[in-house]
Amino acid sequence: MDIGERVSFNAKVMHYCLKRTNWKQSEDQDECYKTFANCVTNTVIAEQLFRVELGRVRPGIFVYIED
């Protein structure tokens, strides 16, 4: 992933988590920060697991290796 893709991904994660937490100024800000941080953490972990699964060798699927 190059720098442009990473910046775009980070922006999308931030936007997604802000929408998901329903951030409001009238609420307890510490609780909002915790909820936002948990969302970002879980989303990044899910992205990393997804990328690992893309490259994982699947049993029973023939992979042709060129000499």
Protein backbone atom coordinates (compact mmCIF):
# COMPACT_ATOMS: atom_id res chain seq x y z
CA MET A 1 0.00 0.00 0.00
CA ASP A 2 1.56 3.29 -1.03
CA ILE A 3 1.25 6.55 0.91
CA GLY A 4 -1.73 7.86 -1.08
CA GLU A 5 -3.73 4.70 -0.45
CA ARG A 6 -2.85 4.78 3.26
CA VAL A 7 -3.90 8.43 3.65
CA SER A 8 -7.16 7.75 1.83
CA PHE A 9 -7.80 4.68 3.98
CA ASN A 10 -7.06 6.60 7.18
CA ALA A 11 -9.46 9.37 6.17
CA LYS A 12 -12.20 6.82 5.46
CA VAL A 13 -11.63 5.12 8.82
CA MET A 14 -11.84 8.45 10.65
CA HIS A 15 -15.03 9.40 8.81
CA TYR A 16 -16.60 5.98 9.41
CA CYS A 17 -15.80 6.00 13.12
CA LEU A 18 -17.05 9.57 13.61
CA LYS A 19 -20.37 8.59 12.01
CA ARG A 20 -20.53 5.33 13.97
CA THR A 21 -19.93 6.95 17.37
CA ASN A 22 -22.53 9.72 16.80
CA TRP A 23 -20.16 12.27 18.30
CA LYS A 24 -21.94 15.13 20.08
CA GLN A 25 -20.47 18.07 22.01
CA SER A 26 -23.13 17.77 24.72
CA GLU A 27 -22.02 14.27 25.77
CA ASP A 28 -19.13 13.23 28.00
CA GLN A 29 -16.07 13.77 25.79
CA ASP A 30 -13.94 11.12 27.53
CA GLU A 31 -16.54 8.47 26.72
CA CYS A 32 -16.71 9.70 23.10
CA TYR A 33 -12.90 9.52 22.81
CA LYS A 34 -12.88 5.96 24.14
CA THR A 35 -15.64 4.87 21.76
CA PHE A 36 -13.88 6.52 18.81
CA ALA A 37 -10.52 4.97 19.71
CA ASN A 38 -12.09 1.52 20.03
CA CYS A 39 -13.73 1.90 16.63
CA VAL A 40 -10.45 2.95 14.97
CA THR A 41 -8.56 0.10 16.64
CA ASN A 42 -11.10 -2.53 15.62
CA THR A 43 -11.31 -1.23 12.06
CA VAL A 44 -7.53 -1.24 11.59
CA ILE A 45 -7.23 -4.75 13.03
CA ALA A 46 -9.97 -5.94 10.67
CA GLU A 47 -8.16 -4.34 7.72
CA GLN A 48 -4.89 -6.04 8.65
CA LEU A 49 -6.58 -9.44 9.00
CA PHE A 50 -8.27 -8.95 5.63
CA ARG A 51 -4.93 -8.18 3.93
CA VAL A 52 -3.31 -11.26 5.50
CA GLU A 53 -6.17 -13.45 4.27
CA LEU A 54 -5.73 -12.13 0.72
CA GLY A 55 -2.19 -13.50 0.57
CA ARG A 56 -2.78 -16.73 2.49
CA VAL A 57 -2.33 -20.02 0.64
CA ARG A 58 -5.62 -21.90 0.48
CA PRO A 59 -5.52 -25.70 0.82
CA GLY A 60 -6.83 -27.53 -2.21
CA ILE A 61 -6.27 -24.65 -4.62
CA PHE A 62 -3.55 -25.32 -7.14
CA VAL A 63 -1.02 -22.52 -7.52
CA TYR A 64 1.08 -22.61 -10.66
CA ILE A 65 4.67 -21.52 -10.06
CA GLU A 66 6.60 -20.42 -13.13
CA ASP A 67 10.22 -21.56 -13.44
